[in-house]
PDB file of N, CA and C in Angstrom:
ATOM      1  N   UNK A   1      11.171  33.132 -63.972  1.00  0.00           N
ATOM      2  CA  UNK A   1      10.745  34.132 -62.932  1.00  0.00           C
ATOM      3  C   UNK A   1      11.215  35.295 -63.460  1.00  0.00           C
ATOM      4  N   UNK A   2      10.495  36.604 -62.912  1.00  0.00           N
ATOM      5  CA  UNK A   2      11.208  37.742 -63.218  1.00  0.00           C
ATOM      6  C   UNK A   2      10.825  38.949 -62.118  1.00  0.00           C
ATOM      7  N   UNK A   3      11.707  39.774 -62.029  1.00  0.00           N
ATOM      8  CA  UNK A   3      11.454  40.936 -60.941  1.00  0.00           C
ATOM      9  C   UNK A   3      11.357  42.202 -61.892  1.00  0.00           C
ATOM     10  N   UNK A   4      10.291  42.726 -61.979  1.00  0.00           N
ATOM     11  CA  UNK A   4      10.150  44.092 -62.671  1.00  0.00           C
ATOM     12  C   UNK A   4       9.445  45.248 -61.743  1.00  0.00           C
ATOM     13  N   UNK A   5      10.184  46.120 -61.622  1.00  0.00           N
ATOM     14  CA  UNK A   5       9.684  47.227 -60.720  1.00  0.00           C
ATOM     15  C   UNK A   5       9.580  46.732 -59.401  1.00  0.00           C
ATOM     16  N   UNK A   6       8.503  46.512 -58.533  1.00  0.00           N
ATOM     17  CA  UNK A   6       8.488  46.203 -57.381  1.00  0.00           C
ATOM     18  C   UNK A   6       8.062  44.732 -57.296  1.00  0.00           C
ATOM     19  N   UNK A   7       7.516  43.881 -58.415  1.00  0.00           N
ATOM     20  CA  UNK A   7       6.824  43.020 -58.425  1.00  0.00           C
ATOM     21  C   UNK A   7       7.697  41.715 -59.091  1.00  0.00           C
ATOM     22  N   UNK A   8       7.582  40.457 -58.408  1.00  0.00           N
ATOM     23  CA  UNK A   8       8.035  39.305 -58.708  1.00  0.00           C
ATOM     24  C   UNK A   8       7.161  38.417 -59.280  1.00  0.00           C
ATOM     25  N   UNK A   9       7.377  37.809 -60.272  1.00  0.00           N
ATOM     26  CA  UNK A   9       6.350  36.986 -60.956  1.00  0.00           C
ATOM     27  C   UNK A   9       7.020  35.382 -61.237  1.00  0.00           C
ATOM     28  N   UNK A  10       6.374  34.230 -60.845  1.00  0.00           N
ATOM     29  CA  UNK A  10       6.903  33.113 -61.154  1.00  0.00           C
ATOM     30  C   UNK A  10       6.180  32.311 -62.131  1.00  0.00           C
ATOM     31  N   UNK A  11       7.045  31.877 -63.139  1.00  0.00           N
ATOM     32  CA  UNK A  11       6.222  31.220 -64.052  1.00  0.00           C
ATOM     33  C   UNK A  11       6.525  29.560 -64.068  1.00  0.00           C
ATOM     34  N   UNK A  12       5.711  28.855 -64.696  1.00  0.00           N
ATOM     35  CA  UNK A  12       5.852  27.331 -64.696  1.00  0.00           C
ATOM     36  C   UNK A  12       6.134  27.010 -66.138  1.00  0.00           C
ATOM     37  N   UNK A  13       6.497  25.604 -66.272  1.00  0.00           N
ATOM     38  CA  UNK A  13       7.111  24.969 -67.444  1.00  0.00           C
ATOM     39  C   UNK A  13       5.658  24.529 -68.185  1.00  0.00           C
ATOM     40  N   UNK A  14       5.936  23.745 -69.221  1.00  0.00           N
ATOM     41  CA  UNK A  14       5.186  23.108 -70.115  1.00  0.00           C
ATOM     42  C   UNK A  14       4.636  21.827 -69.814  1.00  0.00           C
ATOM     43  N   UNK A  15       4.914  21.236 -68.690  1.00  0.00           N
ATOM     44  CA  UNK A  15       4.597  19.861 -68.473  1.00  0.00           C
ATOM     45  C   UNK A  15       3.150  19.574 -68.483  1.00  0.00           C
ATOM     46  N   UNK A  16       2.626  18.645 -68.910  1.00  0.00           N
ATOM     47  CA  UNK A  16       1.007  18.339 -68.962  1.00  0.00           C
ATOM     48  C   UNK A  16       0.368  18.803 -67.748  1.00  0.00           C
ATOM     49  N   UNK A  17      -0.644  19.643 -67.748  1.00  0.00           N
ATOM     50  CA  UNK A  17      -1.492  19.936 -66.674  1.00  0.00           C
ATOM     51  C   UNK A  17      -0.969  21.470 -66.046  1.00  0.00           C
ATOM     52  N   UNK A  18      -0.164  22.089 -66.539  1.00  0.00           N
ATOM     53  CA  UNK A  18       0.599  23.169 -66.294  1.00  0.00           C
ATOM     54  C   UNK A  18      -0.772  24.290 -66.198  1.00  0.00           C
ATOM     55  N   UNK A  19      -1.606  24.205 -66.981  1.00  0.00           N
ATOM     56  CA  UNK A  19      -2.720  25.209 -67.230  1.00  0.00           C
ATOM     57  C   UNK A  19      -3.539  25.184 -65.856  1.00  0.00           C
ATOM     58  N   UNK A  20      -3.629  24.048 -65.469  1.00  0.00           N
ATOM     59  CA  UNK A  20      -4.807  23.755 -64.439  1.00  0.00           C
ATOM     60  C   UNK A  20      -4.217  24.348 -63.052  1.00  0.00           C
ATOM     61  N   UNK A  21      -2.941  24.298 -63.039  1.00  0.00           N
ATOM     62  CA  UNK A  21      -2.379  25.007 -61.596  1.00  0.00           C
ATOM     63  C   UNK A  21      -2.015  26.656 -61.848  1.00  0.00           C
ATOM     64  N   UNK A  22      -1.966  27.170 -62.876  1.00  0.00           N
ATOM     65  CA  UNK A  22      -1.601  28.301 -63.294  1.00  0.00           C
ATOM     66  C   UNK A  22      -2.773  29.364 -62.864  1.00  0.00           C
ATOM     67  N   UNK A  23      -2.447  30.515 -62.331  1.00  0.00           N
ATOM     68  CA  UNK A  23      -3.301  31.517 -62.095  1.00  0.00           C
ATOM     69  C   UNK A  23      -3.903  32.409 -63.152  1.00  0.00           C
ATOM     70  N   UNK A  24      -3.558  32.155 -64.290  1.00  0.00           N
ATOM     71  CA  UNK A  24      -3.971  32.789 -65.541  1.00  0.00           C
ATOM     72  C   UNK A  24      -4.413  32.173 -66.673  1.00  0.00           C
ATOM     73  N   UNK A  25      -4.125  30.619 -66.376  1.00  0.00           N
ATOM     74  CA  UNK A  25      -4.724  29.820 -67.690  1.00  0.00           C
ATOM     75  C   UNK A  25      -3.587  29.785 -68.547  1.00  0.00           C
ATOM     76  N   UNK A  26      -2.290  30.071 -68.189  1.00  0.00           N
ATOM     77  CA  UNK A  26      -1.292  29.903 -68.940  1.00  0.00           C
ATOM     78  C   UNK A  26       0.027  29.347 -68.158  1.00  0.00           C
ATOM     79  N   UNK A  27       1.196  30.110 -67.959  1.00  0.00           N
ATOM     80  CA  UNK A  27       2.128  29.807 -67.075  1.00  0.00           C
ATOM     81  C   UNK A  27       2.321  30.447 -65.774  1.00  0.00           C
ATOM     82  N   UNK A  28       1.671  31.393 -65.476  1.00  0.00           N
ATOM     83  CA  UNK A  28       1.837  32.262 -64.180  1.00  0.00           C
ATOM     84  C   UNK A  28       1.582  31.472 -63.218  1.00  0.00           C
ATOM     85  N   UNK A  29       2.323  31.193 -62.082  1.00  0.00           N
ATOM     86  CA  UNK A  29       2.065  30.378 -60.836  1.00  0.00           C
ATOM     87  C   UNK A  29       1.858  31.346 -59.657  1.00  0.00           C
ATOM     88  N   UNK A  30       2.523  32.571 -59.797  1.00  0.00           N
ATOM     89  CA  UNK A  30       2.288  33.290 -58.543  1.00  0.00           C
ATOM     90  C   UNK A  30       2.857  34.829 -58.687  1.00  0.00           C
ATOM     91  N   UNK A  31       2.237  35.577 -58.039  1.00  0.00           N
ATOM     92  CA  UNK A  31       2.689  37.231 -58.187  1.00  0.00           C
ATOM     93  C   UNK A  31       2.960  37.599 -56.742  1.00  0.00           C
ATOM     94  N   UNK A  32       3.782  38.049 -56.819  1.00  0.00           N
ATOM     95  CA  UNK A  32       4.338  38.738 -55.298  1.00  0.00           C
ATOM     96  C   UNK A  32       4.493  40.332 -55.445  1.00  0.00           C
ATOM     97  N   UNK A  33       3.662  40.959 -54.789  1.00  0.00           N
ATOM     98  CA  UNK A  33       3.859  42.547 -54.972  1.00  0.00           C
ATOM     99  C   UNK A  33       4.707  43.066 -54.005  1.00  0.00           C
ATOM    100  N   UNK A  34       5.574  44.038 -54.282  1.00  0.00           N
ATOM    101  CA  UNK A  34       6.138  44.898 -53.278  1.00  0.00           C
ATOM    102  C   UNK A  34       7.323  44.042 -52.724  1.00  0.00           C
ATOM    103  N   UNK A  35       7.863  43.206 -53.624  1.00  0.00           N
ATOM    104  CA  UNK A  35       9.119  42.304 -53.063  1.00  0.00           C
ATOM    105  C   UNK A  35      10.104  43.043 -52.779  1.00  0.00           C
ATOM    106  N   UNK A  36      10.431  43.920 -53.557  1.00  0.00           N
ATOM    107  CA  UNK A  36      11.524  45.119 -53.328  1.00  0.00           C
ATOM    108  C   UNK A  36      11.011  46.339 -53.498  1.00  0.00           C
ATOM    109  N   UNK A  37      11.003  47.237 -52.366  1.00  0.00           N
ATOM    110  CA  UNK A  37      10.129  48.516 -52.531  1.00  0.00           C
ATOM    111  C   UNK A  37      10.855  49.579 -51.818  1.00  0.00           C
ATOM    112  N   UNK A  38      12.163  49.574 -51.577  1.00  0.00           N
ATOM    113  CA  UNK A  38      12.990  50.789 -51.188  1.00  0.00           C
ATOM    114  C   UNK A  38      14.256  50.622 -51.498  1.00  0.00           C
ATOM    115  N   UNK A  39      15.006  51.747 -51.735  1.00  0.00           N
ATOM    116  CA  UNK A  39      16.434  51.655 -52.224  1.00  0.00           C
ATOM    117  C   UNK A  39      17.230  50.732 -51.277  1.00  0.00           C
ATOM    118  N   UNK A  40      18.180  50.327 -51.843  1.00  0.00           N
ATOM    119  CA  UNK A  40      19.066  49.391 -51.225  1.00  0.00           C
ATOM    120  C   UNK A  40      18.581  48.271 -50.641  1.00  0.00           C
ATOM    121  N   UNK A  41      17.576  47.543 -51.330  1.00  0.00           N
ATOM    122  CA  UNK A  41      16.789  46.378 -50.862  1.00  0.00           C
ATOM    123  C   UNK A  41      17.649  45.148 -51.376  1.00  0.00           C
ATOM    124  N   UNK A  42      17.547  44.173 -50.427  1.00  0.00           N
ATOM    125  CA  UNK A  42      18.340  42.942 -50.725  1.00  0.00           C
ATOM    126  C   UNK A  42      17.253  41.734 -50.790  1.00  0.00           C
ATOM    127  N   UNK A  43      17.287  41.222 -51.977  1.00  0.00           N
ATOM    128  CA  UNK A  43      16.391  39.892 -52.352  1.00  0.00           C
ATOM    129  C   UNK A  43      17.257  38.647 -52.575  1.00  0.00           C
ATOM    130  N   UNK A  44      16.950  37.679 -51.624  1.00  0.00           N
ATOM    131  CA  UNK A  44      17.620  36.408 -51.876  1.00  0.00           C
ATOM    132  C   UNK A  44      16.667  35.520 -52.569  1.00  0.00           C
ATOM    133  N   UNK A  45      17.087  34.674 -53.545  1.00  0.00           N
ATOM    134  CA  UNK A  45      16.406  33.651 -54.412  1.00  0.00           C
ATOM    135  C   UNK A  45      17.190  32.516 -54.105  1.00  0.00           C
ATOM    136  N   UNK A  46      16.504  31.526 -53.756  1.00  0.00           N
ATOM    137  CA  UNK A  46      16.850  30.136 -53.760  1.00  0.00           C
ATOM    138  C   UNK A  46      16.207  29.249 -54.754  1.00  0.00           C
ATOM    139  N   UNK A  47      16.831  28.779 -55.560  1.00  0.00           N
ATOM    140  CA  UNK A  47      16.286  28.038 -56.833  1.00  0.00           C
ATOM    141  C   UNK A  47      16.566  26.510 -56.672  1.00  0.00           C
ATOM    142  N   UNK A  48      15.818  25.541 -56.515  1.00  0.00           N
ATOM    143  CA  UNK A  48      16.315  24.323 -56.631  1.00  0.00           C
ATOM    144  C   UNK A  48      15.168  23.325 -57.261  1.00  0.00           C
ATOM    145  N   UNK A  49      15.420  22.029 -57.522  1.00  0.00           N
ATOM    146  CA  UNK A  49      14.304  21.360 -58.296  1.00  0.00           C
ATOM    147  C   UNK A  49      12.973  21.517 -57.710  1.00  0.00           C
ATOM    148  N   UNK A  50      12.251  22.186 -58.315  1.00  0.00           N
ATOM    149  CA  UNK A  50      10.729  22.329 -58.305  1.00  0.00           C
ATOM    150  C   UNK A  50      10.404  23.161 -56.983  1.00  0.00           C
ATOM    151  N   UNK A  51      11.522  23.971 -56.677  1.00  0.00           N
ATOM    152  CA  UNK A  51      11.242  25.058 -55.793  1.00  0.00           C
ATOM    153  C   UNK A  51      11.821  26.171 -55.599  1.00  0.00           C
ATOM    154  N   UNK A  52      11.238  27.345 -55.462  1.00  0.00           N
ATOM    155  CA  UNK A  52      11.602  28.651 -55.328  1.00  0.00           C
ATOM    156  C   UNK A  52      11.438  29.188 -54.048  1.00  0.00           C
ATOM    157  N   UNK A  53      12.518  29.716 -53.171  1.00  0.00           N
ATOM    158  CA  UNK A  53      12.329  30.451 -51.988  1.00  0.00           C
ATOM    159  C   UNK A  53      12.879  31.916 -52.125  1.00  0.00           C
ATOM    160  N   UNK A  54      12.274  32.629 -51.519  1.00  0.00           N
ATOM    161  CA  UNK A  54      12.602  34.011 -51.422  1.00  0.00           C
ATOM    162  C   UNK A  54      12.543  34.569 -50.292  1.00  0.00           C
ATOM    163  N   UNK A  55      13.407  35.746 -49.963  1.00  0.00           N
ATOM    164  CA  UNK A  55      13.252  36.569 -48.616  1.00  0.00           C
ATOM    165  C   UNK A  55      13.945  37.874 -49.159  1.00  0.00           C
ATOM    166  N   UNK A  56      13.191  38.842 -48.487  1.00  0.00           N
ATOM    167  CA  UNK A  56      13.785  40.290 -48.641  1.00  0.00           C
ATOM    168  C   UNK A  56      14.175  40.404 -47.182  1.00  0.00           C
ATOM    169  N   UNK A  57      15.069  41.489 -47.038  1.00  0.00           N
ATOM    170  CA  UNK A  57      15.583  42.057 -45.703  1.00  0.00           C
ATOM    171  C   UNK A  57      14.419  42.442 -44.940  1.00  0.00           C
ATOM    172  N   UNK A  58      14.471  41.712 -43.459  1.00  0.00           N
ATOM    173  CA  UNK A  58      13.320  42.066 -42.412  1.00  0.00           C
ATOM    174  C   UNK A  58      12.103  41.158 -42.894  1.00  0.00           C
ATOM    175  N   UNK A  59      12.245  40.419 -43.661  1.00  0.00           N
ATOM    176  CA  UNK A  59      10.912  39.681 -43.889  1.00  0.00           C
ATOM    177  C   UNK A  59      11.143  38.069 -43.951  1.00  0.00           C
ATOM    178  N   UNK A  60       9.948  37.377 -43.890  1.00  0.00           N
ATOM    179  CA  UNK A  60      10.078  35.913 -43.239  1.00  0.00           C
ATOM    180  C   UNK A  60      10.314  35.532 -44.903  1.00  0.00           C
ATOM    181  N   UNK A  61      10.970  34.045 -44.759  1.00  0.00           N
ATOM    182  CA  UNK A  61      11.149  33.339 -45.964  1.00  0.00           C
ATOM    183  C   UNK A  61       9.797  32.984 -46.485  1.00  0.00           C
ATOM    184  N   UNK A  62       9.785  32.822 -47.785  1.00  0.00           N
ATOM    185  CA  UNK A  62       8.485  32.667 -48.419  1.00  0.00           C
ATOM    186  C   UNK A  62       8.913  31.488 -49.648  1.00  0.00           C
ATOM    187  N   UNK A  63       8.068  30.475 -50.051  1.00  0.00           N
ATOM    188  CA  UNK A  63       8.164  29.710 -51.092  1.00  0.00           C
ATOM    189  C   UNK A  63       7.083  29.435 -51.750  1.00  0.00           C
ATOM    190  N   UNK A  64       7.481  28.501 -52.805  1.00  0.00           N
ATOM    191  CA  UNK A  64       6.415  27.678 -53.694  1.00  0.00           C
ATOM    192  C   UNK A  64       6.976  26.572 -54.436  1.00  0.00           C
ATOM    193  N   UNK A  65       6.405  25.431 -54.241  1.00  0.00           N
ATOM    194  CA  UNK A  65       6.875  24.166 -54.541  1.00  0.00           C
ATOM    195  C   UNK A  65       5.904  23.810 -55.709  1.00  0.00           C
ATOM    196  N   UNK A  66       6.489  23.295 -56.834  1.00  0.00           N
ATOM    197  CA  UNK A  66       5.561  22.703 -57.965  1.00  0.00           C
ATOM    198  C   UNK A  66       6.312  21.824 -58.762  1.00  0.00           C
ATOM    199  N   UNK A  67       5.880  20.672 -59.362  1.00  0.00           N
ATOM    200  CA  UNK A  67       6.475  20.159 -60.070  1.00  0.00           C
ATOM    201  C   UNK A  67       6.691  20.790 -61.520  1.00  0.00           C
ATOM    202  N   UNK A  68       6.004  21.958 -61.634  1.00  0.00           N
ATOM    203  CA  UNK A  68       6.056  22.727 -62.940  1.00  0.00           C
ATOM    204  C   UNK A  68       7.214  23.738 -62.569  1.00  0.00           C
ATOM    205  N   UNK A  69       8.008  23.710 -61.585  1.00  0.00           N
ATOM    206  CA  UNK A  69       8.896  24.876 -61.546  1.00  0.00           C
ATOM    207  C   UNK A  69      10.252  23.974 -61.770  1.00  0.00           C
ATOM    208  N   UNK A  70      11.287  24.541 -62.040  1.00  0.00           N
ATOM    209  CA  UNK A  70      12.600  24.331 -62.510  1.00  0.00           C
ATOM    210  C   UNK A  70      12.865  22.553 -62.365  1.00  0.00           C
ATOM    211  N   UNK A  71      13.317  22.047 -63.482  1.00  0.00           N
ATOM    212  CA  UNK A  71      13.661  20.534 -63.499  1.00  0.00           C
ATOM    213  C   UNK A  71      15.255  20.711 -63.329  1.00  0.00           C
ATOM    214  N   UNK A  72      15.798  20.772 -62.095  1.00  0.00           N
ATOM    215  CA  UNK A  72      16.970  20.752 -61.903  1.00  0.00           C
ATOM    216  C   UNK A  72      17.678  19.512 -61.419  1.00  0.00           C
ATOM    217  N   UNK A  73      17.092  18.269 -61.545  1.00  0.00           N
ATOM    218  CA  UNK A  73      17.523  17.213 -60.848  1.00  0.00           C
ATOM    219  C   UNK A  73      18.770  16.634 -61.370  1.00  0.00           C
ATOM    220  N   UNK A  74      19.683  16.352 -60.436  1.00  0.00           N
ATOM    221  CA  UNK A  74      21.212  15.902 -60.856  1.00  0.00           C
ATOM    222  C   UNK A  74      21.256  14.861 -61.948  1.00  0.00           C
ATOM    223  N   UNK A  75      22.011  14.997 -62.876  1.00  0.00           N
ATOM    224  CA  UNK A  75      22.117  14.326 -64.204  1.00  0.00           C
ATOM    225  C   UNK A  75      21.193  14.548 -65.213  1.00  0.00           C
ATOM    226  N   UNK A  76      20.344  15.653 -65.059  1.00  0.00           N
ATOM    227  CA  UNK A  76      19.304  15.991 -66.161  1.00  0.00           C
ATOM    228  C   UNK A  76      20.237  17.084 -67.070  1.00  0.00           C
ATOM    229  N   UNK A  77      19.642  17.037 -68.234  1.00  0.00           N
ATOM    230  CA  UNK A  77      20.176  18.062 -69.235  1.00  0.00           C
ATOM    231  C   UNK A  77      19.702  19.657 -69.112  1.00  0.00           C
ATOM    232  N   UNK A  78      18.896  19.591 -68.195  1.00  0.00           N
ATOM    233  CA  UNK A  78      18.199  21.143 -67.864  1.00  0.00           C
ATOM    234  C   UNK A  78      19.463  21.959 -67.594  1.00  0.00           C
ATOM    235  N   UNK A  79      19.060  23.123 -68.004  1.00  0.00           N
ATOM    236  CA  UNK A  79      19.986  24.258 -67.536  1.00  0.00           C
ATOM    237  C   UNK A  79      19.164  25.464 -66.882  1.00  0.00           C
ATOM    238  N   UNK A  80      19.792  26.369 -66.436  1.00  0.00           N
ATOM    239  CA  UNK A  80      18.994  27.384 -65.787  1.00  0.00           C
ATOM    240  C   UNK A  80      19.667  28.835 -66.335  1.00  0.00           C
ATOM    241  N   UNK A  81      18.858  29.481 -67.029  1.00  0.00           N
ATOM    242  CA  UNK A  81      19.621  30.820 -67.809  1.00  0.00           C
ATOM    243  C   UNK A  81      19.051  32.093 -66.911  1.00  0.00           C
ATOM    244  N   UNK A  82      19.984  32.929 -66.609  1.00  0.00           N
ATOM    245  CA  UNK A  82      19.845  34.203 -65.875  1.00  0.00           C
ATOM    246  C   UNK A  82      20.053  35.431 -66.503  1.00  0.00           C
ATOM    247  N   UNK A  83      19.231  36.210 -66.645  1.00  0.00           N
ATOM    248  CA  UNK A  83      19.173  37.547 -67.208  1.00  0.00           C
ATOM    249  C   UNK A  83      19.013  38.644 -65.966  1.00  0.00           C
ATOM    250  N   UNK A  84      20.182  39.189 -66.185  1.00  0.00           N
ATOM    251  CA  UNK A  84      20.242  40.327 -64.831  1.00  0.00           C
ATOM    252  C   UNK A  84      20.432  41.865 -65.549  1.00  0.00           C
ATOM    253  N   UNK A  85      19.267  42.587 -65.178  1.00  0.00           N
ATOM    254  CA  UNK A  85      19.148  43.843 -65.743  1.00  0.00           C
ATOM    255  C   UNK A  85      18.663  43.590 -67.375  1.00  0.00           C
ATOM    256  N   UNK A  86      18.107  42.509 -67.782  1.00  0.00           N
ATOM    257  CA  UNK A  86      18.181  42.192 -69.032  1.00  0.00           C
ATOM    258  C   UNK A  86      17.191  40.989 -69.215  1.00  0.00           C
ATOM    259  N   UNK A  87      16.278  41.011 -70.370  1.00  0.00           N
ATOM    260  CA  UNK A  87      15.397  39.947 -70.439  1.00  0.00           C
ATOM    261  C   UNK A  87      16.244  38.775 -71.005  1.00  0.00           C
ATOM    262  N   UNK A  88      16.021  37.507 -70.785  1.00  0.00           N
ATOM    263  CA  UNK A  88      16.757  36.372 -71.200  1.00  0.00           C
ATOM    264  C   UNK A  88      16.670  36.085 -72.651  1.00  0.00           C
ATOM    265  N   UNK A  89      15.452  36.536 -73.245  1.00  0.00           N
ATOM    266  CA  UNK A  89      15.169  36.127 -74.700  1.00  0.00           C
ATOM    267  C   UNK A  89      15.723  36.826 -75.470  1.00  0.00           C
ATOM    268  N   UNK A  90      16.191  38.014 -75.351  1.00  0.00           N
ATOM    269  CA  UNK A  90      16.946  39.024 -76.215  1.00  0.00           C
ATOM    270  C   UNK A  90      17.524  40.184 -75.491  1.00  0.00           C
ATOM    271  N   UNK A  91      17.653  41.467 -76.378  1.00  0.00           N
ATOM    272  CA  UNK A  91      18.209  42.430 -76.057  1.00  0.00           C
ATOM    273  C   UNK A  91      17.305  43.577 -76.063  1.00  0.00           C
ATOM    274  N   UNK A  92      16.156  43.363 -76.135  1.00  0.00           N
ATOM    275  CA  UNK A  92      15.011  44.328 -76.191  1.00  0.00           C
ATOM    276  C   UNK A  92      14.571  45.141 -75.067  1.00  0.00           C
ATOM    277  N   UNK A  93      14.782  44.451 -73.813  1.00  0.00           N
ATOM    278  CA  UNK A  93      14.605  45.211 -72.654  1.00  0.00           C
ATOM    279  C   UNK A  93      15.563  45.399 -71.664  1.00  0.00           C
ATOM    280  N   UNK A  94      16.459  46.342 -71.512  1.00  0.00           N
ATOM    281  CA  UNK A  94      17.460  46.311 -70.676  1.00  0.00           C
ATOM    282  C   UNK A  94      16.821  46.848 -69.376  1.00  0.00           C
ATOM    283  N   UNK A  95      17.565  46.448 -68.369  1.00  0.00           N
ATOM    284  CA  UNK A  95      16.915  47.060 -66.884  1.00  0.00           C
ATOM    285  C   UNK A  95      17.908  47.829 -66.358  1.00  0.00           C
ATOM    286  N   UNK A  96      17.397  48.186 -64.979  1.00  0.00           N
ATOM    287  CA  UNK A  96      18.209  49.202 -64.172  1.00  0.00           C
ATOM    288  C   UNK A  96      17.912  48.882 -62.899  1.00  0.00           C
ATOM    289  N   UNK A  97      18.819  49.364 -62.071  1.00  0.00           N
ATOM    290  CA  UNK A  97      18.407  49.057 -60.523  1.00  0.00           C
ATOM    291  C   UNK A  97      19.282  48.335 -59.794  1.00  0.00           C
ATOM    292  N   UNK A  98      19.387  47.145 -60.673  1.00  0.00           N
ATOM    293  CA  UNK A  98      20.579  46.130 -59.706  1.00  0.00           C
ATOM    294  C   UNK A  98      21.817  46.480 -59.684  1.00  0.00           C
ATOM    295  N   UNK A  99      22.239  46.623 -58.349  1.00  0.00           N
ATOM    296  CA  UNK A  99      23.488  46.924 -57.909  1.00  0.00           C
ATOM    297  C   UNK A  99      24.613  45.948 -57.933  1.00  0.00           C
ATOM    298  N   UNK A 100      24.328  44.886 -57.272  1.00  0.00           N
ATOM    299  CA  UNK A 100      25.244  43.772 -57.311  1.00  0.00           C
ATOM    300  C   UNK A 100      24.578  42.351 -57.006  1.00  0.00           C
ATOM    301  N   UNK A 101      25.279  41.250 -57.702  1.00  0.00           N
ATOM    302  CA  UNK A 101      24.732  39.830 -57.522  1.00  0.00           C
ATOM    303  C   UNK A 101      25.654  39.201 -56.984  1.00  0.00           C
ATOM    304  N   UNK A 102      25.456  38.173 -56.221  1.00  0.00           N
ATOM    305  CA  UNK A 102      26.148  37.224 -55.623  1.00  0.00           C
ATOM    306  C   UNK A 102      25.439  35.867 -56.009  1.00  0.00           C
ATOM    307  N   UNK A 103      25.979  35.096 -56.825  1.00  0.00           N
ATOM    308  CA  UNK A 103      25.498  33.732 -57.171  1.00  0.00           C
ATOM    309  C   UNK A 103      26.427  32.728 -56.467  1.00  0.00           C
ATOM    310  N   UNK A 104      25.545  31.631 -55.754  1.00  0.00           N
ATOM    311  CA  UNK A 104      26.163  30.627 -55.047  1.00  0.00           C
ATOM    312  C   UNK A 104      25.586  29.221 -55.570  1.00  0.00           C
ATOM    313  N   UNK A 105      26.412  28.324 -55.897  1.00  0.00           N
ATOM    314  CA  UNK A 105      26.005  27.308 -56.183  1.00  0.00           C
ATOM    315  C   UNK A 105      26.268  26.043 -55.400  1.00  0.00           C
ATOM    316  N   UNK A 106      25.293  25.274 -54.762  1.00  0.00           N
ATOM    317  CA  UNK A 106      25.566  24.304 -53.863  1.00  0.00           C
ATOM    318  C   UNK A 106      24.715  23.037 -53.777  1.00  0.00           C
ATOM    319  N   UNK A 107      25.163  22.152 -53.099  1.00  0.00           N
ATOM    320  CA  UNK A 107      24.654  20.841 -53.198  1.00  0.00           C
ATOM    321  C   UNK A 107      24.118  20.465 -51.807  1.00  0.00           C
ATOM    322  N   UNK A 108      22.653  20.044 -51.554  1.00  0.00           N
ATOM    323  CA  UNK A 108      22.074  20.072 -50.362  1.00  0.00           C
ATOM    324  C   UNK A 108      21.175  18.974 -50.423  1.00  0.00           C
ATOM    325  N   UNK A 109      21.457  17.763 -49.471  1.00  0.00           N
ATOM    326  CA  UNK A 109      20.702  16.522 -49.619  1.00  0.00           C
ATOM    327  C   UNK A 109      20.668  15.679 -50.787  1.00  0.00           C
ATOM    328  N   UNK A 110      21.831  16.143 -51.834  1.00  0.00           N
ATOM    329  CA  UNK A 110      21.996  15.488 -53.024  1.00  0.00           C
ATOM    330  C   UNK A 110      21.146  16.134 -54.346  1.00  0.00           C
ATOM    331  N   UNK A 111      20.472  17.282 -54.013  1.00  0.00           N
ATOM    332  CA  UNK A 111      19.890  18.099 -54.810  1.00  0.00           C
ATOM    333  C   UNK A 111      20.849  19.277 -55.255  1.00  0.00           C
ATOM    334  N   UNK A 112      21.054  19.820 -56.593  1.00  0.00           N
ATOM    335  CA  UNK A 112      21.749  20.968 -56.704  1.00  0.00           C
ATOM    336  C   UNK A 112      20.760  21.958 -56.742  1.00  0.00           C
ATOM    337  N   UNK A 113      21.495  23.010 -56.221  1.00  0.00           N
ATOM    338  CA  UNK A 113      20.757  24.348 -55.720  1.00  0.00           C
ATOM    339  C   UNK A 113      21.355  25.620 -56.432  1.00  0.00           C
ATOM    340  N   UNK A 114      20.792  26.609 -56.495  1.00  0.00           N
ATOM    341  CA  UNK A 114      21.468  27.930 -56.867  1.00  0.00           C
ATOM    342  C   UNK A 114      20.639  29.091 -56.041  1.00  0.00           C
ATOM    343  N   UNK A 115      21.632  29.881 -55.273  1.00  0.00           N
ATOM    344  CA  UNK A 115      21.308  30.823 -54.665  1.00  0.00           C
ATOM    345  C   UNK A 115      21.686  32.241 -55.315  1.00  0.00           C
ATOM    346  N   UNK A 116      20.733  33.014 -55.427  1.00  0.00           N
ATOM    347  CA  UNK A 116      21.067  34.418 -55.965  1.00  0.00           C
ATOM    348  C   UNK A 116      20.690  35.552 -54.974  1.00  0.00           C
ATOM    349  N   UNK A 117      21.775  36.229 -54.670  1.00  0.00           N
ATOM    350  CA  UNK A 117      21.633  37.544 -53.755  1.00  0.00           C
ATOM    351  C   UNK A 117      21.686  38.612 -54.723  1.00  0.00           C
ATOM    352  N   UNK A 118      20.427  39.087 -54.501  1.00  0.00           N
ATOM    353  CA  UNK A 118      20.104  40.395 -55.493  1.00  0.00           C
ATOM    354  C   UNK A 118      20.296  41.712 -54.827  1.00  0.00           C
ATOM    355  N   UNK A 119      21.137  42.751 -54.881  1.00  0.00           N
ATOM    356  CA  UNK A 119      20.973  43.958 -54.071  1.00  0.00           C
ATOM    357  C   UNK A 119      20.344  44.967 -55.091  1.00  0.00           C
ATOM    358  N   UNK A 120      19.415  45.441 -54.672  1.00  0.00           N
ATOM    359  CA  UNK A 120      18.632  46.301 -55.653  1.00  0.00           C
ATOM    360  C   UNK A 120      18.737  47.567 -55.061  1.00  0.00           C
ATOM    361  N   UNK A 121      19.211  48.748 -56.110  1.00  0.00           N
ATOM    362  CA  UNK A 121      19.134  49.951 -55.641  1.00  0.00           C
ATOM    363  C   UNK A 121      18.029  50.979 -55.984  1.00  0.00           C
ATOM    364  N   UNK A 122      17.367  50.533 -56.760  1.00  0.00           N
ATOM    365  CA  UNK A 122      15.828  51.410 -57.072  1.00  0.00           C
ATOM    366  C   UNK A 122      16.333  52.640 -57.555  1.00  0.00           C
ATOM    367  N   UNK A 123      16.671  52.652 -58.652  1.00  0.00           N
ATOM    368  CA  UNK A 123      17.012  54.281 -59.222  1.00  0.00           C
ATOM    369  C   UNK A 123      15.871  55.158 -59.183  1.00  0.00           C
TER     370      UNK A 123
END
């Protein structure tokens, strides 16, 4: 997943068949425009096994479920890497605009989940 400017993009994994469900023939599963579009916006991302849910202030919850999203089953060796104001794969694109982040880890119905509350300042 990435949030860049006002747009959030959700990418899938490499499991067999991922190209059949992508919207670009690769890994892109969903694009959400204007997910954050004003100063001091708040974006809450809930990530769990095979599911991403998001909500911005004053908007309804939205989600996507797919076997091609996060493999976070309890007991698996999978990990979740988070890059804030920076890309995960290196130091070549630093970001700006993120003011504060609250990370919460919780277990719900036996599944591990991660909740990220992103407070975006949009400089």
